[in-house]
Structures are given as C-alpha cells and as structure tokens.
Amino acid sequence: MLRKVKISALFLLVLLSNAFAAKASKQDFYQIKIYHLKTDAQEKTVDDYLKNAFLPALHRAGIAKVGVFKPLISEPSTTAEKLIYVFIPLKSLDGILALDKKLAKDNQYAVYGKSYLDAVYTDTPYERLESIVLKAFEDAPNFMLPKLKSPMKERVYELRSYEAPTEKYFQNKVQMFNKGDEIGLFKRLNFNAVFYGSVISGSRMPNLMYLTTFENKADRDAHWKAFSADDYWKKLSAMPEYQHNVSKNDTKFVYPTDYSDI
C-alpha cells in the first residue's frame, strides 16, 4: 500500500510539473531591437537589411509576424538621433539564441544582408544597437495583430515604458494589469494592444512595456480621453494597494514601416 501511495504521489507531482511547464510555455517572449542611427545613409542601410534580409529570414525561421517601427517626428531635425524599433515575438527564451543559429545557416540571409553584415568599421550601419527582452503578461500571453484600416504611415502606435521604484512595486504594477484587469479595460475600450510584457533584460529595470495602436493621432487622443473618464479606471487607480508603483512613464510615438508585418 505504501509503495502505491508513493507512486501516486510521484505521478501527481509529474502531472503538476507538466501543467506548470505547459502554462509557462504559453506565454510569449519578445525581443525589441533598437537601432540608434546618425545619418540618412545608415538608416537606408538598416532599412534595406531589415526589408530584404532580416525579416524574410525570420519568416523562413517560422516567425511569421515581425514589427518594424520608426518615431513620429513633428519637426525634422538634422541633429536628432534616428531610431528603428524591431519587435520580434518568440515562443521561448531560448528562441533568441536559436534564432541566431538559424540565421548563421541561412545562405540567402547572408547574400541579401551582405552590405550590412560585412560592413567595415569605418562605415558602420548604426551607432549603437540596443536589445530589450520581455516576457508576456499572464493575462495577455500572446501578441496580437492590430485591427486597423488606415494606411501604415497614418497610424500612431504608442510604446509605453513604466519603470517602478523597486522590484516589489514593479510586481504590484504588473498585478494591476493582470488581477486588477487594466488589460481588460484596454480591451473594452479597443486600444488594439499588440503586447504587454515584463522586461527581464534591458537598460531600464524594473520595468514593463506595452504597445497600443490607433488609426491616427485623433483616434489616439479620443481613446485616452475615454480611458481617463472611465469609471473603472477611476476606481482602479484610486485603490490604496496600487499607489506609487510607477516612478517613470516613458512614452514613444511610432509608426509602422511599409514593410512591417505588424
């Protein structure tokens, strides 16, 4: 009898372990690569590389949708830093390293990306390359394509970054999105969010990020006006348990390039 109990307990433990692993595997991981550029020539080189080599290679590697975004600039400046954001959804954290291995074996990628991949140190394609790795929230485990009708260049995507004073406050803000159902509020008001994620590696931590999308600037402003006036938001934001959990809110307005999948 004792042996049967031990076997049953072991079997139950295995089942629970598999259940937790299955649940964890359902949450996407994301990599956001940010190209920091100085010249128009660098921007063209990176655009050509992403459009003709990188995105097609990712598609061949099984990543069907990749986002490429650029900042919305109201007044062009010759001194302003140029940026290109690349959003890559992955099914696991190991997917980042696995992707590098797949690219190294992709001959077509090497051919079409040659001018970028083989650039000499005196003529680099960018000034700096930044990488942020995120894990999707429990209540938004997978990225979503925006349901928009406007042309790509008319759209306004809003990339928000919420830094927290400490790790505990950070977990509290994540809980506000999940258990507090801030995600549900965004869904109800049709913010067309692409992703919500916790930053697990990046220059700004503790931190979470999310991306909402709109037809245009007027559509964006109307959505946030409705959000601010919403009774549930007023109630949620006033709850004592969710106070002081954001120390810095960094908002970037971007638009998708004509070759972006998202």
Foldseek 3Di string as FASTA:
>chain_A
DVVVVVVVVVVVVVVVVVVVVVLQLLAKKKKKKKFKAQDPQLVVLVVQLVQQAVVVLVVVVPQPAKFKKWFDDPDDDNGDITMIIIMGIGSDPCVVVVSVVSCVVDPSNCVSNVCQVVPDPVDHSGDDMFMWMWIFASVFRAFDAFPEDADQVQKKKKKKKFAFPDPVLLVLVSCCVPVVVPVVVCVVLRQRKGTKTATPDGPGPRMIITMGMANHDVRVVVSVVCLVPDPSNVVSQPDPSNPRSGPDMDMTIITTDNSGRD
